[in-house]
Protein backbone atom coordinates (compact mmCIF):
# COMPACT_ATOMS: atom_id res chain seq x y z
CA MET A 1 14.15 -8.07 6.55
CA ALA A 2 17.73 -7.65 5.36
CA LYS A 3 19.16 -4.16 5.13
CA LYS A 4 19.64 -2.97 1.53
CA SER A 5 23.20 -2.27 0.55
CA LYS A 6 24.53 1.26 0.18
CA ILE A 7 25.14 0.55 -3.51
CA VAL A 8 21.50 -0.38 -4.13
CA THR A 9 20.34 2.69 -2.21
CA GLU A 10 22.59 4.91 -4.34
CA ILE A 11 21.33 3.28 -7.56
CA ASN A 12 17.71 3.80 -6.45
CA ASN A 13 18.47 7.45 -5.65
CA ALA A 14 20.09 7.98 -9.07
CA LEU A 15 17.05 6.42 -10.74
CA ALA A 16 14.68 8.60 -8.72
CA ASN A 17 16.50 11.85 -9.50
CA GLY A 18 16.96 11.06 -13.20
CA LYS A 19 20.74 10.63 -13.19
CA LEU A 20 20.35 6.96 -14.20
CA LYS A 21 17.85 5.23 -16.44
CA GLN A 22 16.88 1.57 -16.63
CA PRO A 23 18.25 -0.64 -17.97
CA PHE A 24 21.82 0.23 -16.98
CA ASN A 25 25.31 -1.22 -16.98
CA VAL A 26 28.31 -0.87 -14.65
CA ASN A 27 29.74 2.13 -16.51
CA GLU A 28 26.42 3.98 -16.43
CA VAL A 29 26.07 3.34 -12.68
CA ASN A 30 29.61 4.60 -12.09
CA ILE A 31 28.89 7.80 -14.02
CA ALA A 32 25.60 8.44 -12.19
CA CYS A 33 26.87 7.42 -8.75
CA ASN A 34 30.38 8.85 -8.56
CA GLY A 35 32.25 5.59 -9.26
CA ILE A 36 30.41 3.52 -6.67
CA LEU A 37 31.13 0.26 -8.55
CA ALA A 38 34.81 1.04 -9.24
CA LYS A 39 35.93 -1.40 -6.51
CA SER A 40 33.03 -3.84 -7.02
CA PRO A 41 32.37 -4.02 -10.78
CA SER A 42 30.81 -7.47 -10.40
CA PHE A 43 28.15 -6.24 -7.94
CA LEU A 44 25.37 -6.14 -10.54
CA SER A 45 26.03 -9.66 -11.79
CA LYS A 46 26.49 -11.06 -8.28
CA HIS A 47 23.10 -9.71 -7.25
CA ARG A 48 21.08 -10.63 -10.34
CA GLU A 49 18.29 -13.20 -10.49
CA LYS A 50 19.57 -16.79 -10.56
CA ASN A 51 23.07 -15.79 -9.46
CA PRO A 52 25.24 -18.86 -8.76
CA GLY A 53 26.49 -17.57 -5.39
CA ASN A 54 23.00 -17.34 -3.88
CA TYR A 55 23.54 -13.63 -3.14
CA THR A 56 20.60 -11.35 -2.32
CA VAL A 57 18.77 -10.56 -5.55
CA TYR A 58 18.31 -6.89 -6.44
CA PHE A 59 18.47 -6.93 -10.26
CA SER A 60 17.27 -8.71 -13.35
CA GLN A 61 19.63 -9.02 -16.29
CA ASN A 62 18.26 -8.25 -19.72
CA LYS A 63 19.20 -10.12 -22.89
CA ASP A 64 21.46 -7.20 -23.90
CA GLY A 65 23.44 -7.61 -20.66
CA LYS A 66 22.07 -4.51 -18.96
CA TYR A 67 20.34 -4.60 -15.58
CA SER A 68 17.11 -3.37 -14.05
CA ILE A 69 16.05 -3.05 -10.41
CA ILE A 70 13.52 -5.66 -9.37
């Protein structure tokens, strides 16, 4: 099994401790996780279901553009 990324681990921790709520966007993740997506703002979209780059899927994207952990 592939190792989960540090970013996904931090997002899961923020969800667990109530700092972040689903669904979320890049800005909300940055606020809850001390700017973790500042250098990788496309991380959520790259790792969503049906991503064109065939990256590991961690998120689903809602119709409003926000994301949820799968």
